[in-house]
Amino acid sequence: MKKAISPLAVAPLAALIALAGCSEPEPEVVGEMSDPEAEEIEELTPEELPPMRTREASFRCDDNSVVYVSFYTNDSQVGVAMEQDAVQTILPNEAMAEPAEGEEAAEPAATPTYSGEGYTLVGASDAASIQFARAGGGLQTCDS
């Protein structure tokens, strides 16, 4: 008695043989594509990304007012507002400002000082209290 081979047993072998005949060699690359602006791109200097917010905090000052402060990366600037959802005024770090012609760059202070548009803020991004002054006013201590 002879055993008959089932067509289902032969199907995987037939599929492998059929697929082996379909393989194509890698395409041959003729010539190289070059970027016509490659030289110009290579000469460009990398741009610095704008600073990101690292901390947002509210501080209550000695005169019982509240100031909302956003600190940015590298202590480059802060944003201040007197109301929670108001547009913030950006104050640059005085030590990072471009020196005027003929002047030397200032040494960075231990505690950053930010000023502009009548506001002054003295304090680090991780501090629990800052000193803040509005236009025409003196520095006052503000606690978070």
Protein backbone atom coordinates (compact mmCIF):
# COMPACT_ATOMS: atom_id res chain seq x y z
CA MET A 1 0.00 0.00 0.00
CA LYS A 2 1.35 3.34 -1.07
CA LYS A 3 0.71 6.59 0.78
CA ALA A 4 -0.49 9.44 -1.36
CA ILE A 5 1.14 12.84 -0.89
CA SER A 6 -1.38 15.49 0.02
CA PRO A 7 -1.41 18.64 -2.17
CA LEU A 8 -1.37 20.73 1.03
CA ALA A 9 1.98 19.20 2.02
CA VAL A 10 3.54 20.25 -1.30
CA ALA A 11 2.10 23.81 -1.32
CA PRO A 12 4.76 25.45 0.97
CA LEU A 13 7.59 23.93 -1.11
CA ALA A 14 6.01 25.17 -4.35
CA ALA A 15 5.59 28.67 -2.88
CA LEU A 16 9.28 28.81 -1.89
CA ILE A 17 10.40 27.79 -5.36
CA ALA A 18 8.13 30.40 -6.95
CA LEU A 19 9.42 33.17 -4.67
CA ALA A 20 13.05 32.24 -5.25
CA GLY A 21 12.63 32.94 -8.94
CA CYS A 22 11.22 36.44 -8.25
CA SER A 23 14.21 37.93 -6.48
CA GLU A 24 15.79 40.80 -8.41
CA PRO A 25 19.31 42.12 -7.94
CA GLU A 26 19.82 45.55 -6.38
CA PRO A 27 19.36 48.37 -8.90
CA GLU A 28 22.54 49.75 -10.34
CA VAL A 29 23.21 53.40 -9.49
CA VAL A 30 24.51 55.36 -12.45
CA GLY A 31 26.00 58.79 -11.63
CA GLU A 32 25.43 60.62 -8.38
CA MET A 33 22.74 63.10 -7.54
CA SER A 34 24.23 66.22 -6.04
CA ASP A 35 22.51 69.06 -4.23
CA PRO A 36 22.94 72.23 -6.28
CA GLU A 37 22.86 74.31 -3.04
CA ALA A 38 25.25 72.08 -1.06
CA GLU A 39 28.03 74.70 -0.95
CA GLU A 40 25.68 77.43 0.22
CA ILE A 41 24.22 75.19 2.92
CA GLU A 42 27.68 74.20 4.13
CA GLU A 43 28.67 77.86 4.54
CA LEU A 44 25.64 78.69 6.72
CA THR A 45 26.13 78.91 10.46
CA PRO A 46 23.72 76.87 12.58
CA GLU A 47 20.95 79.01 14.04
CA GLU A 48 20.29 79.05 17.75
CA LEU A 49 16.80 78.02 18.80
CA PRO A 50 14.73 80.51 20.77
CA PRO A 51 14.72 80.01 24.54
CA MET A 52 12.08 77.80 26.13
CA ARG A 53 10.17 78.38 29.34
CA THR A 54 11.66 76.41 32.20
CA ARG A 55 9.47 77.62 35.06
CA GLU A 56 6.34 79.66 35.57
CA ALA A 57 5.62 81.06 39.01
CA SER A 58 3.59 83.71 40.75
CA PHE A 59 5.11 85.89 43.46
CA ARG A 60 3.36 88.03 46.09
CA CYS A 61 5.28 91.23 46.74
CA ASP A 62 5.66 93.36 49.89
CA ASP A 63 3.00 95.81 48.62
CA ASN A 64 0.57 92.84 48.36
CA SER A 65 0.59 92.88 44.54
CA VAL A 66 1.14 89.70 42.53
CA VAL A 67 3.60 89.34 39.65
CA TYR A 68 3.50 86.38 37.24
CA VAL A 69 6.94 85.37 35.99
CA SER A 70 8.11 82.96 33.28
CA PHE A 71 11.77 81.98 33.42
CA TYR A 72 13.51 80.91 30.21
CA THR A 73 16.44 78.59 29.44
CA ASN A 74 20.00 79.67 30.21
CA ASP A 75 18.65 82.57 32.31
CA SER A 76 18.52 84.50 29.04
CA GLN A 77 15.27 86.33 29.78
CA VAL A 78 12.11 86.40 31.87
CA GLY A 79 8.54 87.31 31.06
CA VAL A 80 6.57 89.35 33.61
CA ALA A 81 2.89 90.24 33.83
CA MET A 82 0.76 91.83 36.52
CA GLU A 83 -2.31 89.72 35.65
CA GLN A 84 -2.40 85.95 35.23
CA ASP A 85 -3.47 85.66 31.59
CA ALA A 86 -2.04 88.97 30.38
CA VAL A 87 0.59 89.26 27.67
CA GLN A 88 3.99 89.14 29.32
CA THR A 89 6.69 91.77 28.96
CA ILE A 90 10.01 90.12 28.09
CA LEU A 91 12.99 91.36 30.10
CA PRO A 92 16.47 90.37 28.83
CA ASN A 93 19.29 89.37 31.17
CA GLU A 94 21.52 92.45 31.56
CA ALA A 95 24.72 90.33 31.63
CA MET A 96 23.86 88.76 28.27
CA ALA A 97 23.12 92.05 26.52
CA GLU A 98 25.39 93.07 23.65
CA PRO A 99 27.97 95.56 24.94
CA ALA A 100 27.96 99.01 23.33
CA GLU A 101 30.76 99.78 20.92
CA GLY A 102 33.99 100.35 22.84
CA GLU A 103 32.71 98.67 26.02
CA GLU A 104 33.64 95.27 27.38
CA ALA A 105 31.08 92.56 28.09
CA ALA A 106 29.84 92.55 31.69
CA GLU A 107 30.71 89.67 34.00
CA PRO A 108 27.63 87.52 34.74
CA ALA A 109 26.32 88.23 38.25
CA ALA A 110 25.73 85.46 40.77
CA THR A 111 22.05 86.39 40.74
CA PRO A 112 20.73 87.35 37.29
CA THR A 113 19.27 90.81 36.79
CA TYR A 114 16.67 91.39 34.10
CA SER A 115 15.40 94.81 33.06
CA GLY A 116 13.47 96.56 30.34
CA GLU A 117 10.38 98.67 29.67
CA GLY A 118 10.40 100.10 33.20
CA TYR A 119 10.59 96.73 34.99
CA THR A 120 13.51 95.22 36.89
CA LEU A 121 13.66 91.70 38.26
CA VAL A 122 16.52 90.23 40.29
CA GLY A 123 16.42 86.50 40.97
CA ALA A 124 17.32 83.04 39.77
CA SER A 125 14.84 80.68 38.14
CA ASP A 126 14.94 78.25 41.07
CA ALA A 127 14.65 80.90 43.82
CA ALA A 128 11.75 80.98 46.25
CA SER A 129 11.81 84.79 46.27
CA ILE A 130 12.78 87.54 43.85
CA GLN A 131 13.17 91.29 43.91
CA PHE A 132 10.90 93.18 41.54
CA ALA A 133 10.41 96.85 40.61
CA ARG A 134 7.83 98.53 38.41
CA ALA A 135 8.40 101.78 36.53
CA GLY A 136 9.11 104.55 39.02
CA GLY A 137 9.21 102.19 41.99
CA GLY A 138 12.01 100.66 44.00
CA LEU A 139 12.93 97.01 44.34
CA GLN A 140 10.70 95.05 46.69
CA THR A 141 10.90 91.43 47.81
CA CYS A 142 8.35 89.03 46.34
CA ASP A 143 7.83 85.47 47.63
CA SER A 144 6.35 82.50 45.79
